[in-house]
N, C-alpha and C. Protein backbone atom coordinates (compact mmCIF):
# COMPACT_ATOMS: atom_id res chain seq x y z
N UNK A 1 96.60 95.94 121.67
CA UNK A 1 95.95 97.38 121.41
C UNK A 1 94.52 97.22 121.77
N UNK A 2 93.89 96.15 120.56
CA UNK A 2 93.01 95.96 121.17
C UNK A 2 92.24 95.90 122.31
N UNK A 3 92.63 94.94 123.61
CA UNK A 3 92.35 95.01 124.53
C UNK A 3 92.36 96.31 125.66
N UNK A 4 93.51 97.16 125.33
CA UNK A 4 93.95 98.03 125.49
C UNK A 4 92.58 99.26 125.23
N UNK A 5 91.91 99.68 124.34
CA UNK A 5 90.63 100.22 123.76
C UNK A 5 89.31 99.66 124.80
N UNK A 6 89.14 98.63 125.36
CA UNK A 6 88.13 98.30 125.20
C UNK A 6 87.89 97.94 127.21
N UNK A 7 89.50 98.35 127.48
CA UNK A 7 89.52 98.07 128.80
C UNK A 7 89.68 99.33 129.62
N UNK A 8 89.75 100.42 128.73
CA UNK A 8 89.65 102.25 129.06
C UNK A 8 88.70 102.42 129.03
N UNK A 9 87.84 102.10 127.78
CA UNK A 9 86.18 102.55 127.76
C UNK A 9 85.40 101.70 129.15
N UNK A 10 85.70 100.13 129.43
CA UNK A 10 85.48 100.17 130.59
C UNK A 10 85.22 100.87 131.58
N UNK A 11 86.65 101.10 131.44
CA UNK A 11 86.92 101.83 133.71
C UNK A 11 86.52 102.57 133.14
N UNK A 12 86.48 104.13 132.39
CA UNK A 12 85.97 105.25 132.13
C UNK A 12 84.95 105.56 132.60
N UNK A 13 83.57 104.87 131.30
CA UNK A 13 82.38 104.16 131.48
C UNK A 13 81.69 103.44 132.71
N UNK A 14 82.10 102.62 133.48
CA UNK A 14 81.59 101.17 134.13
C UNK A 14 79.93 101.96 134.37
N UNK A 15 79.68 102.97 134.84
CA UNK A 15 78.35 103.07 135.62
C UNK A 15 77.39 103.62 134.64
N UNK A 16 77.38 103.15 133.57
CA UNK A 16 76.53 103.77 132.84
C UNK A 16 74.76 103.88 133.42
N UNK A 17 74.19 104.48 132.41
CA UNK A 17 72.42 103.98 132.36
C UNK A 17 72.06 103.41 131.94
N UNK A 18 72.56 103.09 130.55
CA UNK A 18 71.89 102.08 129.75
C UNK A 18 73.97 101.58 129.36
N UNK A 19 73.42 100.23 129.09
CA UNK A 19 75.07 99.22 128.51
C UNK A 19 74.80 98.02 127.78
N UNK A 20 75.36 97.58 127.02
CA UNK A 20 75.03 96.64 126.19
C UNK A 20 75.96 95.65 125.15
N UNK A 21 76.90 94.13 125.52
CA UNK A 21 77.04 93.67 124.77
C UNK A 21 75.84 93.15 123.96
N UNK A 22 77.02 93.01 121.95
CA UNK A 22 76.21 92.17 121.02
C UNK A 22 77.94 91.40 121.10
N UNK A 23 76.38 90.15 120.18
CA UNK A 23 77.81 89.38 119.87
C UNK A 23 77.09 88.75 119.21
N UNK A 24 78.07 89.06 117.87
CA UNK A 24 77.29 87.49 116.39
C UNK A 24 77.70 87.67 116.21
N UNK A 25 77.58 86.56 115.49
CA UNK A 25 78.61 85.67 113.80
C UNK A 25 78.26 85.61 112.79
N UNK A 26 78.76 86.42 111.97
CA UNK A 26 78.58 86.68 110.23
C UNK A 26 78.45 85.57 109.66
N UNK A 27 78.48 84.59 109.71
CA UNK A 27 78.11 83.64 108.37
C UNK A 27 77.95 84.05 106.64
N UNK A 28 78.83 83.13 105.54
CA UNK A 28 78.88 83.61 104.33
C UNK A 28 79.01 82.43 104.15
N UNK A 29 78.30 81.84 102.86
CA UNK A 29 77.98 81.12 101.75
C UNK A 29 79.29 79.90 101.89
N UNK A 30 79.51 78.99 102.08
CA UNK A 30 80.92 78.56 101.81
C UNK A 30 82.11 79.04 102.74
N UNK A 31 82.00 79.44 103.54
CA UNK A 31 82.58 80.05 104.50
C UNK A 31 83.17 80.04 105.32
N UNK A 32 82.84 80.99 106.91
CA UNK A 32 83.19 80.33 107.59
C UNK A 32 82.21 81.91 109.18
N UNK A 33 81.86 81.45 110.36
CA UNK A 33 81.62 82.29 110.88
C UNK A 33 82.69 83.47 111.03
N UNK A 34 82.53 85.02 111.39
CA UNK A 34 83.25 85.53 111.18
C UNK A 34 82.49 86.07 112.75
N UNK A 35 83.25 85.70 113.68
CA UNK A 35 83.00 86.39 115.08
C UNK A 35 82.84 88.14 115.66
N UNK A 36 82.49 88.62 116.17
CA UNK A 36 82.05 90.32 116.24
C UNK A 36 81.87 90.33 118.11
N UNK A 37 82.16 91.47 118.87
CA UNK A 37 82.02 91.53 119.87
C UNK A 37 81.76 93.50 119.88
N UNK A 38 80.81 93.79 119.97
CA UNK A 38 80.16 95.35 120.05
C UNK A 38 80.02 95.56 121.60
N UNK A 39 80.62 97.12 122.53
CA UNK A 39 80.34 97.30 123.10
C UNK A 39 79.51 98.60 123.50
N UNK A 40 78.00 98.85 123.40
CA UNK A 40 78.07 100.10 123.44
C UNK A 40 77.09 100.66 124.84
N UNK A 41 77.56 101.80 125.49
CA UNK A 41 77.12 102.10 126.37
C UNK A 41 76.90 104.56 126.76
N UNK A 42 75.50 104.26 127.10
CA UNK A 42 75.41 105.72 127.82
C UNK A 42 75.45 106.30 129.20
N UNK A 43 76.02 107.54 129.69
CA UNK A 43 75.73 107.88 130.54
C UNK A 43 74.98 109.71 130.84
N UNK A 44 74.44 109.68 131.18
CA UNK A 44 73.28 110.45 131.29
C UNK A 44 74.40 112.17 131.88
N UNK A 45 73.93 112.88 131.23
CA UNK A 45 74.54 114.47 131.61
C UNK A 45 73.65 115.26 131.60
N UNK A 46 72.91 115.27 131.10
CA UNK A 46 71.38 116.53 131.84
C UNK A 46 70.11 115.61 130.83
N UNK A 47 69.16 116.11 130.74
CA UNK A 47 68.11 115.76 130.55
C UNK A 47 68.09 115.01 128.93
N UNK A 48 68.32 115.68 128.32
CA UNK A 48 68.76 115.87 126.92
C UNK A 48 69.77 115.62 125.90
N UNK A 49 70.89 115.27 126.84
CA UNK A 49 72.42 115.09 126.62
C UNK A 49 72.78 113.46 127.37
N UNK A 50 73.62 112.79 126.68
CA UNK A 50 74.04 111.98 126.91
C UNK A 50 75.27 111.52 126.97
N UNK A 51 76.79 111.29 127.66
CA UNK A 51 78.21 110.95 126.71
C UNK A 51 77.85 109.21 126.42
N UNK A 52 78.46 109.19 125.14
CA UNK A 52 78.22 107.69 124.55
C UNK A 52 79.38 107.06 124.71
N UNK A 53 79.61 105.86 124.23
CA UNK A 53 81.08 104.84 124.34
C UNK A 53 80.35 103.43 123.82
N UNK A 54 81.71 103.41 122.75
CA UNK A 54 81.36 101.77 121.48
C UNK A 54 82.33 101.66 120.85
N UNK A 55 82.53 100.12 121.50
CA UNK A 55 83.67 99.54 121.12
C UNK A 55 83.71 97.92 120.30
N UNK A 56 84.52 97.89 119.38
CA UNK A 56 83.68 96.90 118.88
C UNK A 56 85.63 96.15 118.46
N UNK A 57 85.74 94.79 118.44
CA UNK A 57 86.32 94.13 118.38
C UNK A 57 86.10 92.77 117.17
N UNK A 58 86.89 92.37 116.34
CA UNK A 58 87.12 91.60 115.41
C UNK A 58 87.89 90.69 115.14
N UNK A 59 88.34 89.82 114.44
CA UNK A 59 89.22 89.40 114.04
C UNK A 59 90.54 90.38 113.77
N UNK A 60 89.98 90.64 112.83
CA UNK A 60 90.71 92.23 112.16
C UNK A 60 90.56 93.39 111.90
N UNK A 61 89.94 93.66 112.79
CA UNK A 61 89.59 94.98 112.98
C UNK A 61 89.03 95.44 114.55
N UNK A 62 88.91 96.39 114.98
CA UNK A 62 88.95 96.95 116.51
C UNK A 62 88.87 98.33 116.44
N UNK A 63 87.95 99.42 116.97
CA UNK A 63 88.34 100.79 116.72
C UNK A 63 87.41 100.76 118.13
N UNK A 64 87.33 102.63 118.71
CA UNK A 64 86.75 102.73 120.18
C UNK A 64 86.71 103.77 119.57
N UNK A 65 84.91 104.53 120.11
CA UNK A 65 84.77 105.79 119.93
C UNK A 65 83.88 106.27 121.28
N UNK A 66 83.99 107.21 121.35
CA UNK A 66 83.71 108.41 122.36
C UNK A 66 82.72 109.65 121.85
N UNK A 67 81.14 109.88 122.49
CA UNK A 67 80.84 110.89 121.82
C UNK A 67 79.47 111.62 122.87
N UNK A 68 78.64 112.47 122.38
CA UNK A 68 77.27 112.63 122.98
C UNK A 68 76.22 112.39 122.20
N UNK A 69 75.32 112.33 122.59
CA UNK A 69 73.70 112.27 122.49
C UNK A 69 73.09 113.61 122.34
N UNK A 70 72.08 114.12 121.71
CA UNK A 70 71.41 114.59 122.21
C UNK A 70 70.00 114.60 121.76
N UNK A 71 69.29 114.40 122.42
CA UNK A 71 67.28 114.08 122.41
C UNK A 71 67.07 115.11 122.76
N UNK A 72 66.79 116.69 121.98
CA UNK A 72 65.49 117.64 121.66
C UNK A 72 64.15 117.14 122.20
N UNK A 73 63.47 115.48 121.43
CA UNK A 73 62.26 115.06 121.95
C UNK A 73 62.64 113.18 122.73
N UNK A 74 61.12 113.36 123.18
CA UNK A 74 61.78 111.79 123.64
C UNK A 74 61.90 110.71 122.62
N UNK A 75 61.09 111.34 120.97
CA UNK A 75 60.96 110.58 120.12
C UNK A 75 62.16 110.25 119.32
N UNK A 76 63.25 110.91 118.93
CA UNK A 76 64.63 111.81 118.52
C UNK A 76 65.70 112.41 119.07
N UNK A 77 66.60 111.92 118.18
CA UNK A 77 68.28 112.24 119.45
C UNK A 77 68.81 111.87 118.02
N UNK A 78 70.01 112.87 118.24
CA UNK A 78 71.63 112.41 117.22
C UNK A 78 72.27 112.25 117.87
N UNK A 79 73.53 112.15 117.22
CA UNK A 79 74.98 111.69 118.23
C UNK A 79 76.17 112.09 117.13
N UNK A 80 77.35 112.35 117.88
CA UNK A 80 77.93 112.42 117.03
C UNK A 80 78.97 111.24 118.14
N UNK A 81 80.54 110.66 117.34
CA UNK A 81 81.21 110.84 118.19
C UNK A 81 82.79 110.88 116.95
N UNK A 82 83.87 110.58 118.24
CA UNK A 82 85.12 110.35 117.24
C UNK A 82 85.68 109.52 117.94
N UNK A 83 86.60 108.64 117.89
CA UNK A 83 88.01 107.72 118.10
C UNK A 83 88.93 107.22 118.07
N UNK A 84 89.39 105.91 117.76
CA UNK A 84 90.63 105.40 116.91
C UNK A 84 90.23 104.28 116.62
N UNK A 85 90.44 103.82 115.20
CA UNK A 85 90.88 102.73 115.24
C UNK A 85 91.48 101.49 114.66
N UNK A 86 91.46 100.13 114.33
CA UNK A 86 93.12 99.88 113.73
C UNK A 86 93.05 99.65 113.17
N UNK A 87 93.58 100.92 111.99
CA UNK A 87 94.74 101.71 110.55
C UNK A 87 95.67 102.66 111.18
N UNK A 88 96.37 102.24 110.45
CA UNK A 88 97.68 103.17 110.61
C UNK A 88 97.22 105.14 110.96
N UNK A 89 96.17 105.15 109.91
CA UNK A 89 95.72 106.84 110.18
C UNK A 89 94.94 107.09 111.73
N UNK A 90 94.64 105.60 112.45
CA UNK A 90 93.83 105.83 113.82
C UNK A 90 92.67 106.64 114.14
N UNK A 91 92.39 107.38 113.76
CA UNK A 91 91.24 107.86 113.74
C UNK A 91 89.64 107.78 112.15
N UNK A 92 89.07 107.99 113.73
CA UNK A 92 87.58 107.32 113.08
C UNK A 92 86.50 107.79 113.65
N UNK A 93 85.36 108.70 112.85
CA UNK A 93 84.47 109.41 113.35
C UNK A 93 83.24 108.70 113.30
N UNK A 94 81.49 109.37 114.11
CA UNK A 94 80.56 108.38 113.21
C UNK A 94 79.48 109.18 113.43
N UNK A 95 78.60 108.80 113.87
CA UNK A 95 76.92 109.95 113.43
C UNK A 95 76.24 108.53 113.93
N UNK A 96 75.04 109.62 114.30
CA UNK A 96 73.98 108.22 114.36
C UNK A 96 72.39 109.34 114.34
N UNK A 97 71.55 109.29 114.50
CA UNK A 97 69.93 109.08 113.90
C UNK A 97 68.85 108.06 114.96
N UNK A 98 67.88 108.17 115.77
CA UNK A 98 67.25 107.55 116.11
C UNK A 98 65.30 107.94 116.15
N UNK A 99 65.16 107.60 115.69
CA UNK A 99 63.82 108.01 115.79
C UNK A 99 62.61 107.02 116.26
N UNK A 100 62.01 107.27 117.14
CA UNK A 100 60.61 106.23 117.31
C UNK A 100 59.28 106.64 117.80
N UNK A 101 58.38 106.54 117.46
CA UNK A 101 56.67 106.25 118.07
C UNK A 101 56.51 105.02 118.15
N UNK A 102 55.71 104.90 119.17
CA UNK A 102 55.01 103.95 119.76
C UNK A 102 55.97 102.73 119.31
N UNK A 103 55.39 101.62 118.18
CA UNK A 103 56.16 100.85 118.37
C UNK A 103 56.88 100.57 116.95
N UNK A 104 57.50 101.28 116.11
CA UNK A 104 58.00 101.95 115.02
C UNK A 104 59.13 102.50 115.12
N UNK A 105 60.46 102.23 114.97
CA UNK A 105 61.68 102.51 114.85
C UNK A 105 62.65 102.87 114.05
N UNK A 106 63.36 103.87 113.86
CA UNK A 106 64.57 103.93 112.63
C UNK A 106 65.68 104.53 113.10
N UNK A 107 66.74 103.76 113.14
CA UNK A 107 68.07 103.51 113.80
C UNK A 107 69.16 103.92 112.48
N UNK A 108 69.66 105.23 112.29
CA UNK A 108 70.61 105.25 111.14
C UNK A 108 72.19 105.52 111.82
N UNK A 109 73.01 104.52 111.66
CA UNK A 109 74.09 104.75 112.22
C UNK A 109 75.55 104.99 111.17
N UNK A 110 76.07 105.72 111.15
CA UNK A 110 77.08 105.63 109.80
C UNK A 110 78.98 105.99 110.44
N UNK A 111 79.99 105.82 110.12
CA UNK A 111 81.58 106.37 110.44
C UNK A 111 82.00 106.10 109.13
N UNK A 112 82.97 106.80 109.81
CA UNK A 112 84.48 107.29 108.12
C UNK A 112 85.72 107.29 109.28
N UNK A 113 86.38 106.41 108.54
CA UNK A 113 87.58 106.81 109.06
C UNK A 113 88.59 107.23 107.69
N UNK A 114 90.62 107.22 108.01
CA UNK A 114 90.89 107.19 106.80
C UNK A 114 90.58 106.69 105.63
N UNK A 115 90.83 107.50 104.30
CA UNK A 115 91.11 107.07 102.91
C UNK A 115 89.24 106.83 101.99
N UNK A 116 89.26 107.05 101.28
CA UNK A 116 87.48 106.79 100.76
C UNK A 116 86.77 105.57 100.73
N UNK A 117 87.50 104.72 100.58
CA UNK A 117 87.01 103.52 101.21
C UNK A 117 86.27 103.29 102.80
N UNK A 118 87.20 103.59 103.50
CA UNK A 118 86.71 103.41 104.90
C UNK A 118 86.08 104.16 105.92
N UNK A 119 83.99 103.62 105.24
CA UNK A 119 83.64 103.85 105.64
C UNK A 119 82.09 102.73 106.32
N UNK A 120 81.48 102.37 107.05
CA UNK A 120 80.69 102.26 107.41
C UNK A 120 79.30 102.41 107.61
N UNK A 121 78.19 101.35 107.72
CA UNK A 121 76.80 101.99 108.09
C UNK A 121 75.99 101.05 108.24
N UNK A 122 75.23 101.52 108.98
CA UNK A 122 74.02 100.52 109.36
C UNK A 122 72.61 101.16 109.63
N UNK A 123 71.46 101.04 108.75
CA UNK A 123 70.19 101.31 109.03
C UNK A 123 69.11 100.84 109.42
N UNK A 124 68.17 100.66 110.03
CA UNK A 124 67.58 100.02 110.80
C UNK A 124 66.23 100.44 110.75
N UNK A 125 64.74 99.66 110.23
CA UNK A 125 63.64 100.06 110.62
C UNK A 125 62.76 99.25 111.33
N UNK A 126 62.43 99.40 112.47
CA UNK A 126 62.13 98.11 112.87
C UNK A 126 60.47 98.34 113.39
N UNK A 127 59.88 96.86 113.69
CA UNK A 127 58.10 97.45 113.87
C UNK A 127 58.07 95.71 115.40
N UNK A 128 57.89 96.81 115.90
CA UNK A 128 57.38 95.70 117.82
C UNK A 128 56.68 95.01 116.84
N UNK A 129 56.18 93.40 116.96
CA UNK A 129 54.78 93.05 116.81
C UNK A 129 53.84 93.04 118.25
N UNK A 130 55.08 92.72 119.36
CA UNK A 130 54.91 92.56 120.54
C UNK A 130 55.87 93.04 122.12
N UNK A 131 55.47 92.59 122.58
CA UNK A 131 56.32 92.87 123.58
C UNK A 131 58.16 92.77 123.67
N UNK A 132 58.07 90.76 122.92
CA UNK A 132 58.89 90.47 122.66
C UNK A 132 59.91 90.75 121.39
N UNK A 133 58.75 90.03 120.46
CA UNK A 133 58.87 89.55 119.06
C UNK A 133 59.25 91.36 118.11
N UNK A 134 60.59 91.53 117.22
CA UNK A 134 59.98 92.94 117.12
C UNK A 134 60.47 91.80 114.96
N UNK A 135 60.19 92.42 114.22
CA UNK A 135 60.64 92.29 113.24
C UNK A 135 61.04 93.29 112.19
N UNK A 136 62.25 93.83 111.14
CA UNK A 136 62.90 95.11 110.49
C UNK A 136 63.53 94.93 109.28
N UNK A 137 64.07 95.73 108.36
CA UNK A 137 64.77 95.50 107.51
C UNK A 137 65.75 96.44 107.67
N UNK A 138 67.06 95.50 107.32
CA UNK A 138 68.10 95.93 107.94
C UNK A 138 69.20 96.50 106.26
N UNK A 139 69.98 97.45 106.11
CA UNK A 139 70.84 97.88 105.18
C UNK A 139 72.46 97.69 105.93
N UNK A 140 72.79 97.16 106.15
CA UNK A 140 74.50 96.81 107.01
C UNK A 140 75.53 96.67 105.95
N UNK A 141 76.60 97.72 105.80
CA UNK A 141 77.19 97.45 105.16
C UNK A 141 78.54 96.51 105.94
N UNK A 142 78.91 95.47 104.89
CA UNK A 142 79.38 94.52 104.69
C UNK A 142 78.76 93.45 105.49
N UNK A 143 77.80 92.97 105.65
CA UNK A 143 76.92 92.84 105.71
C UNK A 143 76.03 91.63 104.96
N UNK A 144 75.08 92.90 104.58
CA UNK A 144 73.99 92.82 103.43
C UNK A 144 73.04 93.66 103.65
N UNK A 145 72.00 93.15 102.97
CA UNK A 145 70.42 93.80 103.23
C UNK A 145 69.53 93.18 103.53
N UNK A 146 68.27 92.94 104.08
CA UNK A 146 67.81 91.80 104.51
C UNK A 146 66.71 92.02 105.70
N UNK A 147 65.81 90.92 106.24
CA UNK A 147 65.13 90.79 107.48
C UNK A 147 65.61 90.62 108.72
N UNK A 148 65.27 91.02 109.78
CA UNK A 148 66.00 91.30 110.99
C UNK A 148 65.13 90.59 112.32
N UNK A 149 64.84 89.60 112.51
CA UNK A 149 64.08 88.91 113.31
C UNK A 149 64.81 89.08 114.52
N UNK A 150 64.16 89.66 116.05
CA UNK A 150 64.47 89.32 117.34
C UNK A 150 63.47 89.01 118.13
N UNK A 151 63.93 88.49 119.25
CA UNK A 151 62.96 88.33 120.24
C UNK A 151 63.41 88.36 121.84
N UNK A 152 62.98 89.65 122.22
CA UNK A 152 63.40 89.44 123.45
C UNK A 152 63.50 88.71 124.54
N UNK A 153 63.86 88.29 126.12
CA UNK A 153 63.70 87.64 127.12
C UNK A 153 64.05 89.11 127.97
N UNK A 154 62.81 89.63 128.03
CA UNK A 154 63.10 90.38 128.95
C UNK A 154 63.90 90.10 130.60
N UNK A 155 63.45 88.93 131.26
CA UNK A 155 63.48 88.78 132.67
C UNK A 155 65.05 88.51 132.63
N UNK A 156 65.93 88.40 131.61
CA UNK A 156 67.41 87.74 132.03
C UNK A 156 67.41 89.19 130.47
N UNK A 157 67.36 90.10 130.52
CA UNK A 157 68.24 91.50 129.11
C UNK A 157 68.58 91.00 128.25
N UNK A 158 68.51 89.17 127.86
CA UNK A 158 68.93 89.07 126.10
C UNK A 158 68.29 88.86 125.08
N UNK A 159 68.88 89.70 124.39
CA UNK A 159 67.61 89.37 123.39
C UNK A 159 68.53 88.79 121.63
N UNK A 160 68.43 87.12 121.30
CA UNK A 160 68.00 86.59 120.35
C UNK A 160 67.82 87.56 119.18
N UNK A 161 69.02 87.19 118.16
CA UNK A 161 68.30 87.69 116.40
C UNK A 161 69.06 87.37 115.60
N UNK A 162 68.56 87.15 114.18
CA UNK A 162 69.28 86.51 113.38
C UNK A 162 68.28 87.78 111.58
N UNK A 163 68.99 87.31 110.73
CA UNK A 163 69.06 88.57 109.58
C UNK A 163 69.77 87.65 108.71
N UNK A 164 68.62 86.78 107.61
CA UNK A 164 69.25 86.92 106.64
C UNK A 164 69.45 87.56 105.73
N UNK A 165 70.86 87.39 104.93
CA UNK A 165 71.07 89.36 103.82
C UNK A 165 71.66 88.57 102.90
N UNK A 166 71.53 89.71 101.69
CA UNK A 166 72.54 89.52 100.74
C UNK A 166 73.48 90.55 100.41
N UNK A 167 74.51 90.49 100.73
CA UNK A 167 75.41 91.76 100.31
C UNK A 167 75.57 91.95 98.91
N UNK A 168 75.24 93.24 98.45
CA UNK A 168 75.00 93.07 96.93
C UNK A 168 77.12 93.92 96.84
N UNK A 169 77.24 94.92 98.01
CA UNK A 169 78.84 94.72 97.66
C UNK A 169 79.79 94.00 97.27
N UNK A 170 79.46 92.76 98.69
CA UNK A 170 80.54 91.45 97.75
C UNK A 170 79.84 89.86 97.18
N UNK A 171 78.26 90.25 96.95
CA UNK A 171 78.04 89.53 95.70
C UNK A 171 77.93 88.20 96.36
N UNK A 172 77.39 88.72 97.63
CA UNK A 172 77.10 87.42 98.76
C UNK A 172 75.89 87.13 99.61
N UNK A 173 75.83 85.57 99.95
CA UNK A 173 74.05 86.03 100.94
C UNK A 173 74.82 85.69 101.86
N UNK A 174 74.83 85.82 102.98
CA UNK A 174 75.10 85.43 104.33
C UNK A 174 74.01 85.65 105.77
N UNK A 175 74.43 85.07 106.18
CA UNK A 175 73.24 85.08 107.66
C UNK A 175 73.63 85.36 108.68
N UNK A 176 73.52 86.77 109.41
CA UNK A 176 74.09 87.10 110.65
C UNK A 176 73.40 86.28 112.07
N UNK A 177 73.76 86.07 112.68
CA UNK A 177 72.99 85.78 113.81
C UNK A 177 73.90 86.18 115.45
N UNK A 178 72.71 86.72 116.46
CA UNK A 178 73.68 87.19 117.56
C UNK A 178 72.76 87.71 118.41
N UNK A 179 73.13 87.63 119.66
CA UNK A 179 72.34 88.30 120.81
C UNK A 179 73.04 89.57 121.66
N UNK A 180 71.83 90.36 121.81
CA UNK A 180 72.08 90.95 122.96
C UNK A 180 72.12 91.38 124.35
N UNK A 181 73.20 91.80 124.78
CA UNK A 181 72.71 91.26 126.55
C UNK A 181 72.65 92.85 127.00
N UNK A 182 72.01 93.56 128.13
CA UNK A 182 72.16 94.60 128.48
C UNK A 182 72.66 93.70 129.68
N UNK A 183 73.53 95.55 130.23
CA UNK A 183 74.52 94.91 131.09
C UNK A 183 74.08 96.12 132.35
């Protein structure tokens, strides 16, 4: 079922204006690395509206979302999407807000599925220190709160990143490391 969701999204939105794969691992002290693969993309429908898609695959979780984003200004965008998740209730909804001026940006992502505790969020405040280097602060459910450092290798469209974090919900230290690959 997981592979079917990813295949459907790839075939429908194969020619996106922007797409990216994110591959990362979440390491918990004394534990193991939990791998995660995300796919995100946009297709421009008009000057201010994009069709968006997102898919995620982990060892025990998967989801796929399709939606729209609206950018009334070049420094502000809001998005809503809906889809399916690896859960008997099946449905999942999501939203996003992005704001950015010059070298500073704020991205807020949230999702909600069936059930009181079936929600997720990721908020990142980021500052570009140079064309390649960014430093930020991130709060990310199931991962933690902490600084995030990234280094963009623009020639190949790859951005490795690392985030040492503390997960207050599960009272655990974590190290999240990954790479974003533009397609």
